[in-house]
């Protein structure tokens, strides 16, 4: 053995160094594959799940900023009734409480569908999504009935600045719920036909984030618009 061989340092056996490979396929299957990218240091770019989740959070934050602008407009105009009816005269808290219960319960069933999706149980995933859709549709129907009743009483969005801000804020949330229902139906069809493909699972994750965000916004809306507006 030469002196150079005895003095040279041993080769690194760090399994996490760049370009290293580990066998994650179980014993007896030969060479492994490269580790999944983690996005940390030398691990390479982030995984598609992380990238999609991060991008969708940016979308949600931008959407929340838009809704916050509607909240600000309502807060400024809430007392400008122009001699017309106020929230105390118009709001039916019993109906709104049922709406709130439907939407909050739909958030629970949406979470159950996500748990079933993580377990790759197609039937329970579809059942959870279906229950979420039915509860969301019931919420939307009650909201449309409320709007129709107010307009029939002559309290439409053109009656006062208060009602313009009310219809804009609550209607904006309702449009998001309607878009969520369309998305939910699409996801049910994709899960049933295509199964658990990676991009389908990522879309389910994004849908769950979107639906829970709608519930959080509604809790704030219910408190600021209905409870405070009716003097409850």
Protein backbone atom coordinates (compact mmCIF):
# COMPACT_ATOMS: atom_id res chain seq x y z
CA UNK A 1 0.00 0.00 0.00
CA UNK A 2 1.46 3.39 -1.01
CA UNK A 3 1.78 6.35 1.32
CA UNK A 4 -0.77 8.28 -0.70
CA UNK A 5 -3.34 5.55 -0.13
CA UNK A 6 -2.81 5.52 3.61
CA UNK A 7 -3.08 9.29 3.94
CA UNK A 8 -6.14 9.85 1.72
CA UNK A 9 -9.40 10.46 3.63
CA UNK A 10 -12.15 7.86 3.35
CA UNK A 11 -14.96 8.53 0.89
CA UNK A 12 -18.05 10.15 2.36
CA UNK A 13 -20.88 7.74 3.06
CA UNK A 14 -23.39 10.50 3.86
CA UNK A 15 -26.64 9.27 2.27
CA UNK A 16 -27.97 12.84 2.05
CA UNK A 17 -25.15 14.35 -0.01
CA UNK A 18 -25.94 15.60 -3.53
CA UNK A 19 -26.41 12.79 -6.00
CA UNK A 20 -26.63 10.04 -3.40
CA UNK A 21 -29.16 7.25 -3.70
CA UNK A 22 -30.96 5.19 -1.13
CA UNK A 23 -32.91 2.02 -1.62
CA UNK A 24 -36.47 2.82 -0.57
CA UNK A 25 -38.14 0.06 -2.51
CA UNK A 26 -37.66 -2.64 0.11
CA UNK A 27 -35.07 -5.39 0.34
CA UNK A 28 -34.27 -7.64 -2.58
CA UNK A 29 -35.30 -5.19 -5.32
CA UNK A 30 -31.87 -4.00 -6.43
CA UNK A 31 -30.89 -0.38 -6.84
CA UNK A 32 -33.08 2.31 -5.30
CA UNK A 33 -34.18 5.64 -6.70
CA UNK A 34 -33.26 9.19 -5.88
CA UNK A 35 -34.85 10.66 -2.80
CA UNK A 36 -37.90 12.81 -3.28
CA UNK A 37 -36.94 16.45 -3.52
CA UNK A 38 -37.49 18.30 -0.27
CA UNK A 39 -36.58 21.83 -1.28
CA UNK A 40 -33.97 22.11 1.49
CA UNK A 41 -30.35 22.80 0.62
CA UNK A 42 -28.99 20.19 -1.74
CA UNK A 43 -32.24 18.21 -1.89
CA UNK A 44 -33.26 19.91 -5.11
CA UNK A 45 -36.50 21.73 -6.01
CA UNK A 46 -39.62 21.34 -3.92
CA UNK A 47 -42.08 18.55 -4.66
CA UNK A 48 -45.16 19.33 -6.83
CA UNK A 49 -47.39 19.03 -3.74
CA UNK A 50 -45.42 21.77 -1.95
CA UNK A 51 -45.34 24.01 -5.02
CA UNK A 52 -49.08 23.66 -5.69
CA UNK A 53 -49.95 24.18 -2.01
CA UNK A 54 -47.75 27.26 -1.75
CA UNK A 55 -49.18 28.77 -4.93
CA UNK A 56 -52.74 28.12 -3.82
CA UNK A 57 -52.11 29.78 -0.45
CA UNK A 58 -50.97 32.89 -2.37
CA UNK A 59 -54.25 32.79 -4.32
CA UNK A 60 -56.28 32.45 -1.11
CA UNK A 61 -54.49 35.39 0.51
CA UNK A 62 -55.16 37.57 -2.53
CA UNK A 63 -58.82 36.53 -2.43
CA UNK A 64 -59.03 37.33 1.28
CA UNK A 65 -57.59 40.79 0.59
CA UNK A 66 -60.37 41.36 -1.94
CA UNK A 67 -63.04 40.28 0.54
CA UNK A 68 -61.44 42.51 3.18
CA UNK A 69 -62.03 45.46 0.85
CA UNK A 70 -65.74 44.55 0.72
CA UNK A 71 -65.76 44.34 4.53
CA UNK A 72 -64.18 47.79 4.75
CA UNK A 73 -66.78 49.25 2.37
CA UNK A 74 -69.59 47.70 4.41
CA UNK A 75 -68.17 49.05 7.66
CA UNK A 76 -68.13 52.58 6.19
CA UNK A 77 -71.62 52.40 4.65
CA UNK A 78 -73.48 50.31 7.23
CA UNK A 79 -75.26 53.32 8.75
CA UNK A 80 -76.12 55.02 5.44
CA UNK A 81 -79.67 53.71 5.08
CA UNK A 82 -81.05 56.85 3.37
CA UNK A 83 -84.16 56.62 5.51
CA UNK A 84 -84.76 53.03 4.43
CA UNK A 85 -84.71 49.77 6.41
CA UNK A 86 -81.65 48.81 8.42
CA UNK A 87 -80.28 45.42 9.32
CA UNK A 88 -82.39 45.39 12.47
CA UNK A 89 -85.50 45.59 10.28
CA UNK A 90 -84.45 43.08 7.62
CA UNK A 91 -82.28 40.32 9.06
CA UNK A 92 -83.89 37.05 10.15
CA UNK A 93 -81.37 35.52 12.53
CA UNK A 94 -83.16 32.17 12.64
CA UNK A 95 -82.70 31.72 8.90
CA UNK A 96 -79.11 32.94 9.05
CA UNK A 97 -78.37 30.54 11.91
CA UNK A 98 -79.56 27.65 9.74
CA UNK A 99 -77.35 28.89 6.90
CA UNK A 100 -74.39 29.04 9.27
CA UNK A 101 -75.07 25.54 10.55
CA UNK A 102 -75.21 24.15 7.01
CA UNK A 103 -71.93 25.76 6.03
CA UNK A 104 -70.07 24.77 9.20
CA UNK A 105 -71.35 21.21 8.93
CA UNK A 106 -70.21 21.14 5.30
CA UNK A 107 -66.72 22.05 6.51
CA UNK A 108 -66.80 18.98 8.78
CA UNK A 109 -67.89 16.65 5.98
CA UNK A 110 -65.26 18.18 3.70
CA UNK A 111 -62.63 17.31 6.31
CA UNK A 112 -63.95 13.75 6.50
CA UNK A 113 -63.65 13.42 2.73
CA UNK A 114 -60.04 14.57 2.98
CA UNK A 115 -59.31 11.91 5.62
CA UNK A 116 -60.88 9.29 3.36
CA UNK A 117 -58.82 10.55 0.42
CA UNK A 118 -55.63 10.19 2.46
CA UNK A 119 -56.67 6.60 3.13
CA UNK A 120 -57.40 6.14 -0.61
CA UNK A 121 -60.99 5.08 0.12
CA UNK A 122 -62.93 6.17 -2.95
CA UNK A 123 -66.46 5.45 -1.69
CA UNK A 124 -66.12 7.43 1.54
CA UNK A 125 -64.33 10.25 -0.27
CA UNK A 126 -67.22 10.56 -2.70
CA UNK A 127 -69.75 10.34 0.13
CA UNK A 128 -68.01 13.14 2.04
CA UNK A 129 -67.84 15.33 -1.04
CA UNK A 130 -71.50 14.66 -1.84
CA UNK A 131 -72.58 15.62 1.69
CA UNK A 132 -70.45 18.76 1.43
CA UNK A 133 -72.09 19.68 -1.86
CA UNK A 134 -75.63 19.14 -0.57
CA UNK A 135 -75.00 21.26 2.52
CA UNK A 136 -73.36 23.96 0.43
CA UNK A 137 -76.33 23.95 -1.96
CA UNK A 138 -78.74 24.26 0.98
CA UNK A 139 -76.76 27.24 2.27
CA UNK A 140 -76.85 28.89 -1.15
CA UNK A 141 -80.61 28.26 -1.54
CA UNK A 142 -81.36 29.88 1.82
CA UNK A 143 -79.21 32.87 0.90
CA UNK A 144 -80.99 33.31 -2.43
CA UNK A 145 -84.35 33.15 -0.65
CA UNK A 146 -83.16 35.86 1.73
CA UNK A 147 -82.10 38.08 -1.17
CA UNK A 148 -85.40 37.51 -2.99
CA UNK A 149 -87.42 38.34 0.13
CA UNK A 150 -85.50 41.57 0.73
CA UNK A 151 -85.92 42.68 -2.89
CA UNK A 152 -89.65 41.88 -2.72
CA UNK A 153 -89.91 44.24 0.27
CA UNK A 154 -88.31 47.04 -1.73
CA UNK A 155 -84.96 46.59 0.01
CA UNK A 156 -82.82 45.84 -3.02
CA UNK A 157 -79.23 46.91 -3.55
CA UNK A 158 -80.37 50.18 -5.17
CA UNK A 159 -82.33 51.30 -2.08
CA UNK A 160 -79.42 52.66 -0.03
CA UNK A 161 -75.65 52.58 0.34
CA UNK A 162 -76.06 50.16 3.24
CA UNK A 163 -77.97 47.67 1.11
CA UNK A 164 -75.54 48.08 -1.80
CA UNK A 165 -72.65 47.19 0.51
CA UNK A 166 -74.63 44.31 2.05
CA UNK A 167 -75.54 42.70 -1.27
CA UNK A 168 -71.99 43.17 -2.57
CA UNK A 169 -70.34 41.57 0.48
CA UNK A 170 -72.75 38.69 1.05
CA UNK A 171 -73.21 38.15 -2.68
CA UNK A 172 -69.44 37.97 -3.20
CA UNK A 173 -69.24 35.19 -0.64
CA UNK A 174 -72.21 33.44 -2.24
CA UNK A 175 -70.51 33.53 -5.65
CA UNK A 176 -67.47 31.87 -4.10
CA UNK A 177 -69.67 29.15 -2.65
CA UNK A 178 -71.26 28.61 -6.07
CA UNK A 179 -67.81 28.35 -7.68
CA UNK A 180 -66.82 25.91 -4.95
CA UNK A 181 -69.83 23.72 -5.73
CA UNK A 182 -68.87 23.61 -9.41
CA UNK A 183 -65.32 22.68 -8.43
CA UNK A 184 -66.62 20.03 -6.02
CA UNK A 185 -68.71 18.37 -8.73
CA UNK A 186 -65.71 18.34 -11.05
CA UNK A 187 -63.54 16.74 -8.37
CA UNK A 188 -66.12 14.04 -7.67
CA UNK A 189 -66.14 13.11 -11.36
CA UNK A 190 -62.34 13.10 -11.59
CA UNK A 191 -61.90 10.94 -8.50
CA UNK A 192 -64.48 8.47 -9.74
CA UNK A 193 -63.06 8.21 -13.26
CA UNK A 194 -59.32 8.76 -12.82
CA UNK A 195 -58.74 7.53 -9.27
CA UNK A 196 -55.82 8.61 -7.11
CA UNK A 197 -53.52 10.18 -9.65
CA UNK A 198 -51.07 12.63 -8.02
CA UNK A 199 -52.56 15.72 -9.67
CA UNK A 200 -56.07 14.68 -8.56
CA UNK A 201 -54.91 14.37 -4.95
CA UNK A 202 -53.30 17.81 -5.14
CA UNK A 203 -56.52 19.31 -6.48
CA UNK A 204 -58.45 17.77 -3.60
CA UNK A 205 -56.02 19.40 -1.19
CA UNK A 206 -56.57 22.80 -2.84
CA UNK A 207 -60.34 22.35 -2.76
CA UNK A 208 -60.23 21.62 0.98
CA UNK A 209 -58.22 24.78 1.60
CA UNK A 210 -60.69 26.81 -0.47
CA UNK A 211 -63.79 25.44 1.23
CA UNK A 212 -62.44 25.91 4.76
CA UNK A 213 -61.44 29.49 3.87
CA UNK A 214 -65.06 30.16 2.82
CA UNK A 215 -66.25 28.93 6.22
CA UNK A 216 -63.80 31.19 8.06
CA UNK A 217 -64.92 34.21 6.02
CA UNK A 218 -68.58 33.38 6.70
CA UNK A 219 -67.99 33.30 10.46
CA UNK A 220 -66.57 36.83 10.25
CA UNK A 221 -69.42 37.90 7.96
CA UNK A 222 -72.07 36.40 10.23
CA UNK A 223 -70.63 38.23 13.22
CA UNK A 224 -70.02 41.64 11.62
CA UNK A 225 -73.02 41.86 9.31
CA UNK A 226 -75.80 39.88 10.93
CA UNK A 227 -75.14 39.82 14.67
CA UNK A 228 -73.85 43.38 15.02
CA UNK A 229 -76.15 44.70 12.27
CA UNK A 230 -79.27 43.34 13.94
CA UNK A 231 -78.18 44.52 17.39
CA UNK A 232 -78.20 40.97 18.77
